[in-house]
Amino acid sequence: MDAFAGIPIERPIIEAYLGLFASTPDELAAKLDACPGSWQMLPIQERPLLRVGDVILVLDEQYLIERATQGLYWFVHDHERDLDSKRGRPRWNNAHAAMVELRVEDQLHKAEQLDVTAANLLSDPQPANSPLTAPAPRILPVAIRGGQFPLNPVTRRHIEDALQQKGLLHYRSGAPITRIALLDLEELELCESLYESLYESRGLTLPQLIAQ
């Protein structure tokens, strides 16, 4: 696509964006050639757009989404490092950690909503208007997370600690609730695709697939 056609944004602004997200064929070739291993994809992860004149090609859609969301941390990190490595970078690290903590708390709010729903589904007897004739034998809570939320061992541990402190979901005493599954939209689509084939071949249900 033409990077400048039909976009009501001044050219210098678009050029600044492309300067961070795009490489020319020669620039990309040089960076790939400099990689120690032929399998390494860091140059494409860092700049997932290929620029030929004013024409832009998306090399990898998922890399582009990640670079424009999770990758923003490194843009600011490197910028602050170059400006003032002694003060700017630590301030940004602290600010980013605070933002991640707020996002974890938002995920915890969703977990509280799921916990109330799970408690209702486990109540015995079930309310008269319940779609269940008996309490649910087992509950698998699933939360779909946005691409901007970094899910890694650190944030996962933070969520688990918060759930345990509040006694929510699988930490609810004696409740048949499995560990919460945090999926993004791409993983959810993958589960749906796998479900069709696995159900036919193995009789595996979607909850069983997610649990595994």
N, C-alpha and C. Protein backbone atom coordinates (compact mmCIF):
# COMPACT_ATOMS: atom_id res chain seq x y z
N MET A 1 0.84 -1.19 0.00
CA MET A 1 0.00 0.00 0.00
C MET A 1 0.88 1.25 0.00
N ASP A 2 0.29 2.34 -0.50
CA ASP A 2 0.99 3.62 -0.46
C ASP A 2 0.85 4.19 0.95
N ALA A 3 1.98 4.45 1.60
CA ALA A 3 1.96 4.90 2.99
C ALA A 3 1.39 6.29 3.15
N PHE A 4 1.30 7.06 2.07
CA PHE A 4 0.91 8.46 2.19
C PHE A 4 -0.42 8.78 1.50
N ALA A 5 -0.99 7.80 0.81
CA ALA A 5 -2.22 8.05 0.04
C ALA A 5 -3.45 7.91 0.93
N GLY A 6 -4.33 8.92 0.88
CA GLY A 6 -5.60 8.84 1.58
C GLY A 6 -5.52 8.92 3.08
N ILE A 7 -4.41 9.43 3.62
CA ILE A 7 -4.25 9.53 5.07
C ILE A 7 -4.11 11.01 5.43
N PRO A 8 -5.02 11.55 6.21
CA PRO A 8 -4.97 12.99 6.54
C PRO A 8 -3.97 13.30 7.65
N ILE A 9 -2.75 12.85 7.47
CA ILE A 9 -1.67 13.09 8.44
C ILE A 9 -0.50 13.68 7.68
N GLU A 10 0.15 14.66 8.27
CA GLU A 10 1.26 15.32 7.61
C GLU A 10 2.40 14.33 7.34
N ARG A 11 3.07 14.52 6.20
CA ARG A 11 4.12 13.59 5.79
C ARG A 11 5.23 13.44 6.82
N PRO A 12 5.71 14.53 7.47
CA PRO A 12 6.78 14.35 8.47
C PRO A 12 6.39 13.40 9.61
N ILE A 13 5.12 13.40 9.98
CA ILE A 13 4.67 12.50 11.05
C ILE A 13 4.72 11.05 10.58
N ILE A 14 4.25 10.80 9.35
CA ILE A 14 4.31 9.44 8.80
C ILE A 14 5.76 9.00 8.63
N GLU A 15 6.61 9.91 8.18
CA GLU A 15 8.03 9.58 8.02
C GLU A 15 8.65 9.20 9.37
N ALA A 16 8.26 9.92 10.43
CA ALA A 16 8.78 9.59 11.76
C ALA A 16 8.35 8.20 12.19
N TYR A 17 7.10 7.85 11.89
CA TYR A 17 6.60 6.51 12.21
C TYR A 17 7.36 5.44 11.42
N LEU A 18 7.51 5.67 10.11
CA LEU A 18 8.21 4.69 9.29
C LEU A 18 9.67 4.56 9.70
N GLY A 19 10.24 5.64 10.21
CA GLY A 19 11.61 5.58 10.68
C GLY A 19 11.81 4.64 11.86
N LEU A 20 10.72 4.31 12.55
CA LEU A 20 10.79 3.40 13.70
C LEU A 20 10.29 1.99 13.38
N PHE A 21 9.40 1.87 12.37
CA PHE A 21 8.74 0.58 12.12
C PHE A 21 9.12 -0.06 10.79
N ALA A 22 9.78 0.68 9.89
CA ALA A 22 10.03 0.16 8.55
C ALA A 22 11.52 0.11 8.23
N SER A 23 11.88 -0.83 7.34
CA SER A 23 13.23 -0.94 6.81
C SER A 23 13.16 -0.97 5.29
N THR A 24 14.20 -0.48 4.65
CA THR A 24 14.32 -0.66 3.20
C THR A 24 14.85 -2.07 2.96
N PRO A 25 14.73 -2.59 1.74
CA PRO A 25 15.28 -3.93 1.46
C PRO A 25 16.76 -4.04 1.81
N ASP A 26 17.54 -3.02 1.50
CA ASP A 26 18.98 -3.07 1.79
C ASP A 26 19.22 -3.07 3.31
N GLU A 27 18.47 -2.23 4.05
CA GLU A 27 18.65 -2.18 5.50
C GLU A 27 18.28 -3.51 6.14
N LEU A 28 17.18 -4.10 5.69
CA LEU A 28 16.75 -5.37 6.26
C LEU A 28 17.74 -6.48 5.92
N ALA A 29 18.20 -6.50 4.70
CA ALA A 29 19.18 -7.53 4.30
C ALA A 29 20.45 -7.44 5.13
N ALA A 30 20.93 -6.22 5.38
CA ALA A 30 22.14 -6.04 6.17
C ALA A 30 21.94 -6.51 7.61
N LYS A 31 20.78 -6.20 8.20
CA LYS A 31 20.52 -6.60 9.58
C LYS A 31 20.36 -8.11 9.70
N LEU A 32 19.68 -8.73 8.73
CA LEU A 32 19.54 -10.19 8.75
C LEU A 32 20.88 -10.88 8.55
N ASP A 33 21.70 -10.30 7.69
CA ASP A 33 23.02 -10.88 7.43
C ASP A 33 23.91 -10.79 8.66
N ALA A 34 23.67 -9.77 9.51
CA ALA A 34 24.49 -9.58 10.71
C ALA A 34 24.04 -10.47 11.86
N CYS A 35 22.89 -11.13 11.74
CA CYS A 35 22.41 -12.00 12.81
C CYS A 35 23.31 -13.23 12.93
N PRO A 36 23.65 -13.63 14.15
CA PRO A 36 24.53 -14.81 14.32
C PRO A 36 23.91 -16.09 13.79
N GLY A 37 22.57 -16.21 13.89
CA GLY A 37 21.91 -17.43 13.42
C GLY A 37 20.93 -17.12 12.30
N SER A 38 20.83 -18.02 11.33
CA SER A 38 19.95 -17.78 10.19
C SER A 38 18.48 -17.81 10.57
N TRP A 39 18.17 -18.38 11.75
CA TRP A 39 16.78 -18.50 12.19
C TRP A 39 16.29 -17.26 12.93
N GLN A 40 17.17 -16.34 13.24
CA GLN A 40 16.79 -15.19 14.07
C GLN A 40 15.92 -14.21 13.30
N MET A 41 14.86 -13.73 13.97
CA MET A 41 13.89 -12.86 13.32
C MET A 41 13.84 -11.47 13.95
N LEU A 42 14.81 -11.14 14.81
CA LEU A 42 14.76 -9.87 15.52
C LEU A 42 14.65 -8.66 14.59
N PRO A 43 15.38 -8.59 13.46
CA PRO A 43 15.24 -7.43 12.58
C PRO A 43 13.82 -7.24 12.07
N ILE A 44 13.11 -8.34 11.82
CA ILE A 44 11.72 -8.23 11.36
C ILE A 44 10.80 -7.90 12.52
N GLN A 45 11.10 -8.44 13.72
CA GLN A 45 10.31 -8.08 14.89
C GLN A 45 10.44 -6.60 15.21
N GLU A 46 11.64 -6.06 15.10
CA GLU A 46 11.86 -4.65 15.40
C GLU A 46 11.24 -3.74 14.35
N ARG A 47 11.31 -4.14 13.09
CA ARG A 47 10.76 -3.32 11.99
C ARG A 47 9.98 -4.24 11.05
N PRO A 48 8.71 -4.48 11.38
CA PRO A 48 7.91 -5.44 10.61
C PRO A 48 7.34 -4.90 9.30
N LEU A 49 7.74 -3.68 8.91
CA LEU A 49 7.31 -3.11 7.64
C LEU A 49 8.49 -3.00 6.69
N LEU A 50 8.27 -3.34 5.43
CA LEU A 50 9.29 -3.19 4.39
C LEU A 50 8.89 -2.01 3.50
N ARG A 51 9.82 -1.07 3.33
CA ARG A 51 9.53 0.15 2.57
C ARG A 51 10.31 0.18 1.27
N VAL A 52 9.57 0.35 0.17
CA VAL A 52 10.17 0.54 -1.15
C VAL A 52 9.62 1.85 -1.70
N GLY A 53 10.38 2.92 -1.56
CA GLY A 53 9.87 4.24 -1.92
C GLY A 53 8.76 4.64 -0.97
N ASP A 54 7.58 4.91 -1.49
CA ASP A 54 6.43 5.24 -0.66
C ASP A 54 5.52 4.04 -0.45
N VAL A 55 5.91 2.90 -0.98
CA VAL A 55 5.10 1.68 -0.86
C VAL A 55 5.53 0.89 0.35
N ILE A 56 4.54 0.42 1.13
CA ILE A 56 4.80 -0.32 2.35
C ILE A 56 4.24 -1.73 2.25
N LEU A 57 5.04 -2.70 2.67
CA LEU A 57 4.60 -4.10 2.74
C LEU A 57 4.69 -4.57 4.18
N VAL A 58 3.61 -5.16 4.69
CA VAL A 58 3.60 -5.72 6.04
C VAL A 58 4.24 -7.11 5.98
N LEU A 59 5.40 -7.26 6.59
CA LEU A 59 6.11 -8.54 6.57
C LEU A 59 5.47 -9.56 7.50
N ASP A 60 4.98 -9.10 8.66
CA ASP A 60 4.34 -9.99 9.61
C ASP A 60 3.33 -9.20 10.43
N GLU A 61 2.07 -9.56 10.32
CA GLU A 61 1.01 -8.79 10.98
C GLU A 61 1.12 -8.87 12.50
N GLN A 62 1.40 -10.06 13.04
CA GLN A 62 1.48 -10.20 14.49
C GLN A 62 2.66 -9.42 15.06
N TYR A 63 3.80 -9.45 14.36
CA TYR A 63 4.95 -8.67 14.81
C TYR A 63 4.61 -7.17 14.83
N LEU A 64 3.83 -6.73 13.83
CA LEU A 64 3.46 -5.32 13.77
C LEU A 64 2.57 -4.94 14.95
N ILE A 65 1.60 -5.80 15.27
CA ILE A 65 0.72 -5.53 16.41
C ILE A 65 1.52 -5.49 17.70
N GLU A 66 2.42 -6.45 17.88
CA GLU A 66 3.23 -6.49 19.11
C GLU A 66 4.15 -5.29 19.21
N ARG A 67 4.73 -4.88 18.09
CA ARG A 67 5.66 -3.74 18.10
C ARG A 67 4.93 -2.45 18.44
N ALA A 68 3.66 -2.35 17.99
CA ALA A 68 2.88 -1.14 18.23
C ALA A 68 2.20 -1.13 19.59
N THR A 69 2.28 -2.23 20.32
CA THR A 69 1.66 -2.29 21.65
C THR A 69 2.73 -2.58 22.70
N GLN A 70 3.10 -3.84 22.85
CA GLN A 70 4.11 -4.21 23.85
C GLN A 70 5.46 -3.59 23.56
N GLY A 71 5.77 -3.41 22.27
CA GLY A 71 7.08 -2.88 21.89
C GLY A 71 7.29 -1.42 22.22
N LEU A 72 6.22 -0.70 22.57
CA LEU A 72 6.37 0.71 22.90
C LEU A 72 7.28 0.91 24.12
N TYR A 73 7.31 -0.09 24.99
CA TYR A 73 8.20 0.01 26.16
C TYR A 73 9.64 0.25 25.73
N TRP A 74 10.09 -0.48 24.71
CA TRP A 74 11.49 -0.40 24.30
C TRP A 74 11.80 0.90 23.58
N PHE A 75 10.81 1.48 22.86
CA PHE A 75 11.04 2.77 22.23
C PHE A 75 11.39 3.83 23.27
N VAL A 76 10.58 3.88 24.33
CA VAL A 76 10.81 4.88 25.38
C VAL A 76 12.08 4.53 26.17
N HIS A 77 12.25 3.24 26.44
CA HIS A 77 13.43 2.78 27.19
C HIS A 77 14.73 3.21 26.51
N ASP A 78 14.84 2.93 25.22
CA ASP A 78 16.06 3.26 24.48
C ASP A 78 16.22 4.77 24.34
N HIS A 79 15.11 5.48 24.17
CA HIS A 79 15.17 6.94 24.05
C HIS A 79 15.69 7.56 25.35
N GLU A 80 15.15 7.13 26.48
CA GLU A 80 15.58 7.65 27.78
C GLU A 80 17.02 7.25 28.09
N ARG A 81 17.41 6.06 27.67
CA ARG A 81 18.78 5.61 27.88
C ARG A 81 19.77 6.51 27.15
N ASP A 82 19.42 6.88 25.92
CA ASP A 82 20.31 7.73 25.14
C ASP A 82 20.35 9.16 25.68
N LEU A 83 19.23 9.62 26.25
CA LEU A 83 19.20 10.98 26.80
C LEU A 83 19.96 11.08 28.11
N ASP A 84 19.64 10.15 29.01
CA ASP A 84 20.25 10.21 30.35
C ASP A 84 20.13 8.84 30.98
N SER A 85 21.16 8.02 30.84
CA SER A 85 21.10 6.64 31.30
C SER A 85 20.99 6.52 32.82
N LYS A 86 21.40 7.56 33.56
CA LYS A 86 21.40 7.46 35.02
C LYS A 86 20.03 7.76 35.64
N ARG A 87 19.24 8.61 34.98
CA ARG A 87 17.97 9.01 35.59
C ARG A 87 16.74 8.66 34.75
N GLY A 88 16.81 8.91 33.44
CA GLY A 88 15.62 8.72 32.61
C GLY A 88 15.14 7.29 32.53
N ARG A 89 16.08 6.35 32.32
CA ARG A 89 15.67 4.97 32.15
C ARG A 89 15.06 4.38 33.42
N PRO A 90 15.63 4.58 34.62
CA PRO A 90 14.98 4.06 35.83
C PRO A 90 13.59 4.66 36.06
N ARG A 91 13.42 5.95 35.75
CA ARG A 91 12.09 6.56 35.91
C ARG A 91 11.07 5.89 34.99
N TRP A 92 11.49 5.61 33.76
CA TRP A 92 10.58 4.96 32.82
C TRP A 92 10.28 3.54 33.26
N ASN A 93 11.28 2.82 33.74
CA ASN A 93 11.04 1.45 34.22
C ASN A 93 10.02 1.43 35.34
N ASN A 94 10.14 2.38 36.27
CA ASN A 94 9.19 2.46 37.39
C ASN A 94 7.79 2.82 36.89
N ALA A 95 7.73 3.76 35.94
CA ALA A 95 6.43 4.16 35.41
C ALA A 95 5.76 3.01 34.66
N HIS A 96 6.55 2.27 33.88
CA HIS A 96 5.99 1.14 33.14
C HIS A 96 5.52 0.05 34.09
N ALA A 97 6.28 -0.20 35.14
CA ALA A 97 5.87 -1.21 36.12
C ALA A 97 4.55 -0.82 36.78
N ALA A 98 4.38 0.48 37.06
CA ALA A 98 3.12 0.95 37.65
C ALA A 98 1.95 0.75 36.69
N MET A 99 2.18 0.99 35.40
CA MET A 99 1.12 0.79 34.41
C MET A 99 0.74 -0.68 34.29
N VAL A 100 1.74 -1.55 34.29
CA VAL A 100 1.47 -2.99 34.22
C VAL A 100 0.68 -3.44 35.44
N GLU A 101 1.02 -2.90 36.61
CA GLU A 101 0.31 -3.27 37.83
C GLU A 101 -1.16 -2.85 37.74
N LEU A 102 -1.41 -1.67 37.17
CA LEU A 102 -2.80 -1.23 37.00
C LEU A 102 -3.55 -2.16 36.05
N ARG A 103 -2.87 -2.61 34.99
CA ARG A 103 -3.51 -3.54 34.06
C ARG A 103 -3.78 -4.88 34.74
N VAL A 104 -2.87 -5.32 35.61
CA VAL A 104 -3.09 -6.56 36.36
C VAL A 104 -4.31 -6.42 37.26
N GLU A 105 -4.44 -5.25 37.88
CA GLU A 105 -5.60 -5.01 38.73
C GLU A 105 -6.89 -5.03 37.92
N ASP A 106 -6.83 -4.55 36.68
CA ASP A 106 -7.99 -4.61 35.80
C ASP A 106 -8.35 -6.05 35.48
N GLN A 107 -7.34 -6.88 35.25
CA GLN A 107 -7.58 -8.30 35.01
C GLN A 107 -8.18 -8.94 36.26
N LEU A 108 -7.72 -8.52 37.43
CA LEU A 108 -8.25 -9.06 38.68
C LEU A 108 -9.72 -8.68 38.84
N HIS A 109 -10.10 -7.44 38.42
CA HIS A 109 -11.52 -7.04 38.46
C HIS A 109 -12.38 -7.99 37.64
N LYS A 110 -11.86 -8.39 36.46
CA LYS A 110 -12.59 -9.35 35.63
C LYS A 110 -12.67 -10.70 36.33
N ALA A 111 -11.60 -11.07 37.04
CA ALA A 111 -11.60 -12.33 37.78
C ALA A 111 -12.67 -12.32 38.88
N GLU A 112 -12.87 -11.17 39.52
CA GLU A 112 -13.91 -11.06 40.54
C GLU A 112 -15.29 -11.26 39.94
N GLN A 113 -15.51 -10.74 38.74
CA GLN A 113 -16.78 -10.95 38.06
C GLN A 113 -16.98 -12.43 37.72
N LEU A 114 -15.92 -13.07 37.24
CA LEU A 114 -16.00 -14.50 36.93
C LEU A 114 -16.24 -15.32 38.19
N ASP A 115 -15.66 -14.89 39.31
CA ASP A 115 -15.83 -15.62 40.56
C ASP A 115 -17.28 -15.60 41.02
N VAL A 116 -17.93 -14.45 40.88
CA VAL A 116 -19.35 -14.36 41.24
C VAL A 116 -20.20 -15.28 40.36
N THR A 117 -19.89 -15.28 39.06
CA THR A 117 -20.61 -16.16 38.13
C THR A 117 -20.39 -17.62 38.48
N ALA A 118 -19.14 -17.98 38.81
CA ALA A 118 -18.84 -19.36 39.18
C ALA A 118 -19.61 -19.77 40.44
N ALA A 119 -19.66 -18.87 41.42
CA ALA A 119 -20.39 -19.18 42.65
C ALA A 119 -21.87 -19.43 42.38
N ASN A 120 -22.43 -18.65 41.45
CA ASN A 120 -23.84 -18.85 41.10
C ASN A 120 -24.06 -20.20 40.42
N LEU A 121 -23.13 -20.57 39.54
CA LEU A 121 -23.26 -21.84 38.83
C LEU A 121 -23.06 -23.04 39.75
N LEU A 122 -22.37 -22.83 40.87
CA LEU A 122 -22.10 -23.92 41.82
C LEU A 122 -23.14 -24.01 42.93
N SER A 123 -24.03 -23.02 43.00
CA SER A 123 -25.01 -23.01 44.09
C SER A 123 -25.96 -24.20 43.99
N ASP A 124 -26.33 -24.75 45.13
CA ASP A 124 -27.21 -25.93 45.19
C ASP A 124 -28.32 -25.68 46.22
N PRO A 125 -29.57 -25.61 45.78
CA PRO A 125 -30.04 -25.88 44.41
C PRO A 125 -29.85 -24.67 43.51
N GLN A 126 -29.97 -24.91 42.23
CA GLN A 126 -29.89 -23.83 41.25
C GLN A 126 -31.18 -23.00 41.28
N PRO A 127 -31.06 -21.67 40.99
CA PRO A 127 -32.26 -20.84 40.94
C PRO A 127 -33.25 -21.36 39.90
N ALA A 128 -34.49 -20.97 40.06
CA ALA A 128 -35.54 -21.47 39.17
C ALA A 128 -35.30 -21.09 37.71
N ASN A 129 -34.70 -19.92 37.46
CA ASN A 129 -34.47 -19.47 36.08
C ASN A 129 -33.11 -19.86 35.54
N SER A 130 -32.38 -20.73 36.23
CA SER A 130 -31.05 -21.16 35.78
C SER A 130 -31.17 -22.11 34.59
N PRO A 131 -30.26 -22.03 33.62
CA PRO A 131 -30.28 -22.98 32.50
C PRO A 131 -29.79 -24.37 32.92
N LEU A 132 -29.22 -24.48 34.13
CA LEU A 132 -28.72 -25.76 34.62
C LEU A 132 -29.78 -26.44 35.49
N THR A 133 -29.88 -27.75 35.37
CA THR A 133 -30.79 -28.52 36.23
C THR A 133 -30.15 -28.89 37.54
N ALA A 134 -28.81 -28.79 37.60
CA ALA A 134 -28.05 -29.12 38.81
C ALA A 134 -26.80 -28.26 38.84
N PRO A 135 -26.12 -28.15 39.99
CA PRO A 135 -24.88 -27.36 40.05
C PRO A 135 -23.86 -27.86 39.04
N ALA A 136 -23.08 -26.94 38.50
CA ALA A 136 -22.04 -27.31 37.53
C ALA A 136 -21.01 -28.22 38.20
N PRO A 137 -20.66 -29.35 37.58
CA PRO A 137 -19.67 -30.25 38.18
C PRO A 137 -18.25 -29.69 38.14
N ARG A 138 -17.98 -28.81 37.18
CA ARG A 138 -16.63 -28.27 37.02
C ARG A 138 -16.71 -26.99 36.21
N ILE A 139 -15.89 -26.00 36.56
CA ILE A 139 -15.93 -24.71 35.88
C ILE A 139 -14.53 -24.35 35.40
N LEU A 140 -14.45 -23.94 34.13
CA LEU A 140 -13.20 -23.46 33.54
C LEU A 140 -13.36 -21.99 33.20
N PRO A 141 -12.83 -21.07 34.02
CA PRO A 141 -12.95 -19.64 33.73
C PRO A 141 -11.96 -19.20 32.66
N VAL A 142 -12.44 -18.39 31.72
CA VAL A 142 -11.62 -17.90 30.63
C VAL A 142 -11.78 -16.39 30.52
N ALA A 143 -10.67 -15.67 30.39
CA ALA A 143 -10.71 -14.22 30.18
C ALA A 143 -9.92 -13.91 28.92
N ILE A 144 -10.53 -13.14 28.02
CA ILE A 144 -9.87 -12.74 26.79
C ILE A 144 -9.15 -11.42 27.05
N ARG A 145 -7.84 -11.42 26.92
CA ARG A 145 -7.03 -10.24 27.23
C ARG A 145 -6.71 -9.47 25.96
N GLY A 146 -6.51 -8.16 26.12
CA GLY A 146 -6.12 -7.33 25.00
C GLY A 146 -4.66 -7.54 24.64
N GLY A 147 -4.32 -7.25 23.39
CA GLY A 147 -2.94 -7.44 22.94
C GLY A 147 -1.94 -6.55 23.65
N GLN A 148 -2.41 -5.46 24.27
CA GLN A 148 -1.49 -4.56 24.95
C GLN A 148 -1.11 -5.05 26.34
N PHE A 149 -1.77 -6.12 26.83
CA PHE A 149 -1.44 -6.62 28.17
C PHE A 149 -0.33 -7.66 28.07
N PRO A 150 0.83 -7.43 28.68
CA PRO A 150 1.94 -8.39 28.59
C PRO A 150 1.73 -9.55 29.55
N LEU A 151 1.51 -10.73 29.01
CA LEU A 151 1.37 -11.92 29.85
C LEU A 151 2.68 -12.68 29.84
N ASN A 152 3.35 -12.71 30.98
CA ASN A 152 4.64 -13.37 31.14
C ASN A 152 4.70 -13.93 32.56
N PRO A 153 5.76 -14.67 32.90
CA PRO A 153 5.83 -15.24 34.26
C PRO A 153 5.69 -14.21 35.37
N VAL A 154 6.15 -12.98 35.17
CA VAL A 154 6.06 -11.96 36.22
C VAL A 154 4.61 -11.53 36.44
N THR A 155 3.93 -11.14 35.34
CA THR A 155 2.54 -10.70 35.49
C THR A 155 1.64 -11.86 35.87
N ARG A 156 1.94 -13.05 35.38
CA ARG A 156 1.14 -14.22 35.73
C ARG A 156 1.23 -14.50 37.23
N ARG A 157 2.44 -14.40 37.80
CA ARG A 157 2.63 -14.62 39.23
C ARG A 157 1.90 -13.55 40.05
N HIS A 158 1.92 -12.32 39.53
CA HIS A 158 1.22 -11.22 40.19
C HIS A 158 -0.28 -11.51 40.26
N ILE A 159 -0.84 -11.97 39.15
CA ILE A 159 -2.26 -12.30 39.11
C ILE A 159 -2.58 -13.45 40.06
N GLU A 160 -1.73 -14.48 40.04
CA GLU A 160 -1.96 -15.64 40.90
C GLU A 160 -1.92 -15.24 42.38
N ASP A 161 -0.96 -14.39 42.74
CA ASP A 161 -0.86 -13.94 44.14
C ASP A 161 -2.11 -13.18 44.55
N ALA A 162 -2.60 -12.30 43.65
CA ALA A 162 -3.80 -11.52 43.97
C ALA A 162 -5.02 -12.41 44.10
N LEU A 163 -5.16 -13.40 43.23
CA LEU A 163 -6.29 -14.33 43.31
C LEU A 163 -6.23 -15.14 44.60
N GLN A 164 -5.03 -15.57 44.97
CA GLN A 164 -4.88 -16.36 46.20
C GLN A 164 -5.21 -15.54 47.44
N GLN A 165 -4.76 -14.29 47.47
CA GLN A 165 -5.03 -13.44 48.63
C GLN A 165 -6.52 -13.20 48.82
N LYS A 166 -7.26 -13.09 47.71
CA LYS A 166 -8.69 -12.82 47.78
C LYS A 166 -9.54 -14.09 47.78
N GLY A 167 -8.89 -15.25 47.58
CA GLY A 167 -9.63 -16.51 47.57
C GLY A 167 -10.60 -16.62 46.41
N LEU A 168 -10.16 -16.17 45.22
CA LEU A 168 -11.04 -16.17 44.05
C LEU A 168 -10.79 -17.37 43.16
N LEU A 169 -11.83 -17.80 42.44
CA LEU A 169 -11.79 -18.83 41.42
C LEU A 169 -11.17 -20.13 41.95
N HIS A 170 -10.03 -20.57 41.37
CA HIS A 170 -9.48 -21.86 41.77
C HIS A 170 -8.90 -21.83 43.19
N TYR A 171 -8.82 -20.64 43.78
CA TYR A 171 -8.39 -20.56 45.18
C TYR A 171 -9.59 -20.53 46.13
N ARG A 172 -10.80 -20.60 45.58
CA ARG A 172 -12.00 -20.69 46.41
C ARG A 172 -12.02 -22.08 47.05
N SER A 173 -12.12 -22.15 48.35
CA SER A 173 -11.95 -23.40 49.10
C SER A 173 -12.94 -24.46 48.65
N GLY A 174 -12.39 -25.60 48.20
CA GLY A 174 -13.20 -26.76 47.86
C GLY A 174 -14.01 -26.64 46.58
N ALA A 175 -13.90 -25.56 45.85
CA ALA A 175 -14.71 -25.37 44.65
C ALA A 175 -14.07 -26.06 43.45
N PRO A 176 -14.86 -26.75 42.63
CA PRO A 176 -14.31 -27.43 41.43
C PRO A 176 -14.08 -26.44 40.29
N ILE A 177 -13.14 -25.52 40.49
CA ILE A 177 -12.83 -24.49 39.50
C ILE A 177 -11.38 -24.65 39.08
N THR A 178 -11.14 -24.72 37.76
CA THR A 178 -9.78 -24.86 37.27
C THR A 178 -9.09 -23.50 37.24
N ARG A 179 -7.80 -23.53 37.01
CA ARG A 179 -7.01 -22.30 36.92
C ARG A 179 -7.51 -21.44 35.77
N ILE A 180 -7.61 -20.13 35.99
CA ILE A 180 -8.12 -19.23 34.97
C ILE A 180 -7.22 -19.24 33.74
N ALA A 181 -7.86 -19.30 32.56
CA ALA A 181 -7.13 -19.28 31.29
C ALA A 181 -7.19 -17.88 30.71
N LEU A 182 -6.04 -17.25 30.54
CA LEU A 182 -5.96 -15.91 29.96
C LEU A 182 -5.56 -16.05 28.49
N LEU A 183 -6.50 -15.82 27.59
CA LEU A 183 -6.26 -15.98 26.16
C LEU A 183 -6.37 -14.64 25.46
N ASP A 184 -5.64 -14.50 24.33
CA ASP A 184 -5.88 -13.36 23.46
C ASP A 184 -6.75 -13.83 22.30
N LEU A 185 -7.16 -12.91 21.44
CA LEU A 185 -8.07 -13.26 20.36
C LEU A 185 -7.47 -14.27 19.40
N GLU A 186 -6.17 -14.16 19.15
CA GLU A 186 -5.52 -15.10 18.24
C GLU A 186 -5.55 -16.51 18.81
N GLU A 187 -5.30 -16.64 20.11
CA GLU A 187 -5.33 -17.96 20.74
C GLU A 187 -6.75 -18.53 20.76
N LEU A 188 -7.74 -17.65 20.95
CA LEU A 188 -9.13 -18.10 20.93
C LEU A 188 -9.51 -18.62 19.55
N GLU A 189 -9.10 -17.92 18.50
CA GLU A 189 -9.37 -18.39 17.14
C GLU A 189 -8.66 -19.72 16.87
N LEU A 190 -7.46 -19.87 17.40
CA LEU A 190 -6.72 -21.12 17.24
C LEU A 190 -7.45 -22.26 17.92
N CYS A 191 -7.97 -22.00 19.13
CA CYS A 191 -8.72 -23.03 19.85
C CYS A 191 -9.95 -23.46 19.06
N GLU A 192 -10.64 -22.50 18.48
CA GLU A 192 -11.84 -22.82 17.69
C GLU A 192 -11.49 -23.67 16.48
N SER A 193 -10.36 -23.36 15.83
CA SER A 193 -9.94 -24.13 14.67
C SER A 193 -9.54 -25.55 15.07
N LEU A 194 -8.78 -25.67 16.16
CA LEU A 194 -8.36 -26.99 16.62
C LEU A 194 -9.53 -27.82 17.10
N TYR A 195 -10.51 -27.16 17.69
CA TYR A 195 -11.66 -27.87 18.25
C TYR A 195 -12.39 -28.68 17.18
N GLU A 196 -12.56 -28.09 16.00
CA GLU A 196 -13.30 -28.77 14.94
C GLU A 196 -12.63 -30.09 14.56
N SER A 197 -11.30 -30.08 14.45
CA SER A 197 -10.60 -31.31 14.05
C SER A 197 -10.44 -32.28 15.21
N LEU A 198 -10.14 -31.76 16.41
CA LEU A 198 -9.91 -32.64 17.56
C LEU A 198 -11.20 -33.28 18.06
N TYR A 199 -12.32 -32.59 17.93
CA TYR A 199 -13.58 -33.18 18.36
C TYR A 199 -13.94 -34.36 17.47
N GLU A 200 -13.69 -34.21 16.17
CA GLU A 200 -13.99 -35.28 15.23
C GLU A 200 -13.06 -36.47 15.42
N SER A 201 -11.76 -36.20 15.67
CA SER A 201 -10.79 -37.29 15.74
C SER A 201 -10.70 -37.92 17.13
N ARG A 202 -10.85 -37.11 18.19
CA ARG A 202 -10.65 -37.62 19.55
C ARG A 202 -11.84 -37.41 20.48
N GLY A 203 -12.85 -36.69 20.01
CA GLY A 203 -13.97 -36.38 20.88
C GLY A 203 -13.61 -35.37 21.95
N LEU A 204 -12.58 -34.56 21.69
CA LEU A 204 -12.09 -33.58 22.67
C LEU A 204 -12.93 -32.31 22.59
N THR A 205 -13.50 -31.88 23.72
CA THR A 205 -14.34 -30.70 23.74
C THR A 205 -13.48 -29.45 23.84
N LEU A 206 -14.10 -28.29 23.58
CA LEU A 206 -13.37 -27.02 23.67
C LEU A 206 -12.86 -26.74 25.08
N PRO A 207 -13.67 -26.94 26.14
CA PRO A 207 -13.12 -26.75 27.51
C PRO A 207 -11.93 -27.66 27.80
N GLN A 208 -11.98 -28.91 27.31
CA GLN A 208 -10.85 -29.82 27.53
C GLN A 208 -9.62 -29.34 26.79
N LEU A 209 -9.82 -28.81 25.59
CA LEU A 209 -8.70 -28.28 24.81
C LEU A 209 -8.04 -27.11 25.51
N ILE A 210 -8.87 -26.16 26.00
CA ILE A 210 -8.33 -24.99 26.70
C ILE A 210 -7.62 -25.41 27.98
N ALA A 211 -8.19 -26.37 28.69
CA ALA A 211 -7.58 -26.83 29.94
C ALA A 211 -6.21 -27.45 29.71
N GLN A 212 -6.04 -28.10 28.58
CA GLN A 212 -4.75 -28.74 28.27
C GLN A 212 -3.73 -27.74 27.75
